[in-house]
Amino acid sequence: QVQLVESGGGLVQPGESLRLSCVASGITFSAYIMGWYRQAPGKQRELVAQIISGRNTNYADSVKGRSAISRDNAKNTMYLEMNSLKPEDTAVYYCNAKIRISDIRPYWGQGTQVTVSS
């Protein structure tokens, strides 16, 4: 069974930071493109950041420069550090795994809620 489990979400104030984690099981982790998506109420799910390996990453313009995606293949874990959080970052954040960019049947986690509010 394939499982992606997110953690690290919560309630934070604007300007603070969070580190999200996604632990994968049931897949050959190093063979997968990993990514973080988020979805706010009434909005489409959108890509936040994606990582193949090392510097092979990309970010949404809205988080570029204040976020860092990374992965530890030995731990089957992907991370997303978000700094200078804004209320607009409030969403459910989902872990995603694709065997390739064009994979139309990726795996998804159940999500972790991030709420940025004062």
Protein backbone atom coordinates (compact mmCIF):
# COMPACT_ATOMS: atom_id res chain seq x y z
CA GLN A 1 0.00 0.00 0.00
CA VAL A 2 1.24 3.45 -0.94
CA GLN A 3 0.96 6.07 1.74
CA LEU A 4 1.99 9.71 1.95
CA VAL A 5 1.65 11.31 5.37
CA GLU A 6 2.02 15.05 5.89
CA SER A 7 2.77 16.76 9.17
CA GLY A 8 3.90 20.10 10.50
CA GLY A 9 0.90 22.26 9.79
CA GLY A 10 -0.78 24.46 12.33
CA LEU A 11 -1.74 27.97 13.30
CA VAL A 12 0.97 30.59 12.96
CA GLN A 13 1.13 34.36 12.93
CA PRO A 14 2.14 36.36 9.87
CA GLY A 15 5.90 36.54 9.51
CA GLU A 16 6.55 33.26 11.27
CA SER A 17 7.83 30.03 9.73
CA LEU A 18 6.74 26.44 9.34
CA ARG A 19 8.41 23.25 8.26
CA LEU A 20 6.17 20.67 6.64
CA SER A 21 7.13 17.04 6.27
CA CYS A 22 5.88 14.24 4.04
CA VAL A 23 6.83 10.65 4.78
CA ALA A 24 6.26 8.16 1.97
CA SER A 25 5.93 4.41 2.11
CA GLY A 26 5.16 1.74 -0.46
CA ILE A 27 7.12 3.41 -3.28
CA THR A 28 10.70 3.55 -4.43
CA PHE A 29 11.01 7.08 -3.12
CA SER A 30 14.11 8.12 -5.04
CA ALA A 31 12.40 7.28 -8.34
CA TYR A 32 9.58 9.75 -7.78
CA ILE A 33 9.20 13.44 -8.40
CA MET A 34 7.88 14.88 -5.17
CA GLY A 35 5.88 18.03 -4.70
CA TRP A 36 3.78 20.16 -2.43
CA TYR A 37 0.40 21.46 -3.50
CA ARG A 38 -2.07 23.56 -1.62
CA GLN A 39 -5.76 24.27 -1.81
CA ALA A 40 -7.68 27.09 -0.20
CA PRO A 41 -11.49 27.03 0.09
CA GLY A 42 -13.12 27.80 -3.25
CA LYS A 43 -9.83 27.63 -5.13
CA GLN A 44 -8.12 25.14 -7.39
CA ARG A 45 -5.34 23.04 -6.01
CA GLU A 46 -2.07 24.65 -7.02
CA LEU A 47 1.55 23.63 -7.13
CA VAL A 48 3.64 25.23 -4.40
CA ALA A 49 6.99 23.55 -4.97
CA GLN A 50 8.40 20.49 -6.68
CA ILE A 51 11.65 18.59 -6.37
CA ILE A 52 13.32 15.94 -8.43
CA SER A 53 16.67 16.07 -6.69
CA GLY A 54 19.09 18.62 -5.33
CA ARG A 55 18.77 21.84 -7.30
CA ASN A 56 16.22 20.39 -9.66
CA THR A 57 13.37 22.29 -8.08
CA ASN A 58 10.70 24.77 -8.97
CA TYR A 59 8.44 27.07 -6.97
CA ALA A 60 5.27 29.01 -7.42
CA ASP A 61 5.94 32.72 -7.82
CA SER A 62 3.96 33.40 -4.67
CA VAL A 63 6.42 31.48 -2.48
CA LYS A 64 9.65 31.79 -4.43
CA GLY A 65 12.43 33.31 -2.36
CA ARG A 66 10.90 32.51 1.00
CA SER A 67 10.41 28.76 0.70
CA ALA A 68 12.74 25.81 0.38
CA ILE A 69 11.84 22.31 -0.71
CA SER A 70 14.16 19.42 0.04
CA ARG A 71 14.18 15.66 0.28
CA ASP A 72 15.99 12.99 2.25
CA ASN A 73 15.83 9.80 0.22
CA ALA A 74 17.30 7.75 3.06
CA LYS A 75 14.29 8.69 5.18
CA ASN A 76 11.72 8.65 2.38
CA THR A 77 10.85 12.17 3.45
CA MET A 78 10.23 15.45 1.69
CA TYR A 79 10.20 18.82 3.42
CA LEU A 80 8.93 22.30 2.77
CA GLU A 81 10.19 25.19 4.85
CA MET A 82 8.12 28.33 4.51
CA ASN A 83 9.31 31.61 5.95
CA SER A 84 7.67 35.01 6.24
CA LEU A 85 4.28 33.40 6.14
CA LYS A 86 1.35 35.46 4.95
CA PRO A 87 -2.41 35.07 5.43
CA GLU A 88 -2.56 34.21 1.72
CA ASP A 89 -0.58 31.05 2.50
CA THR A 90 -3.54 29.67 4.44
CA ALA A 91 -4.57 26.39 2.82
CA VAL A 92 -4.48 22.64 3.12
CA TYR A 93 -1.08 21.48 1.96
CA TYR A 94 -0.83 18.15 0.17
CA CYS A 95 2.07 15.87 -0.57
CA ASN A 96 2.28 14.55 -4.12
CA ALA A 97 4.37 11.84 -5.77
CA LYS A 98 4.74 11.33 -9.53
CA ILE A 99 6.75 8.76 -11.40
CA ARG A 100 7.19 11.40 -14.11
CA ILE A 101 6.00 14.94 -14.79
CA SER A 102 3.28 13.67 -17.12
CA ASP A 103 2.00 11.07 -14.66
CA ILE A 104 -1.78 11.41 -14.68
CA ARG A 105 -2.30 9.16 -11.67
CA PRO A 106 -0.07 10.53 -8.93
CA TYR A 107 -0.24 9.62 -5.28
CA TRP A 108 -1.62 12.10 -2.76
CA GLY A 109 -1.48 12.51 0.96
CA GLN A 110 -4.48 13.55 3.02
CA GLY A 111 -3.15 17.03 3.67
CA THR A 112 -2.14 19.19 6.59
CA GLN A 113 -3.80 22.49 7.45
CA VAL A 114 -1.74 25.66 7.53
CA THR A 115 -3.46 28.72 8.93
CA VAL A 116 -1.70 32.07 8.99
CA SER A 117 -3.59 34.56 11.09
CA SER A 118 -3.10 37.15 13.79
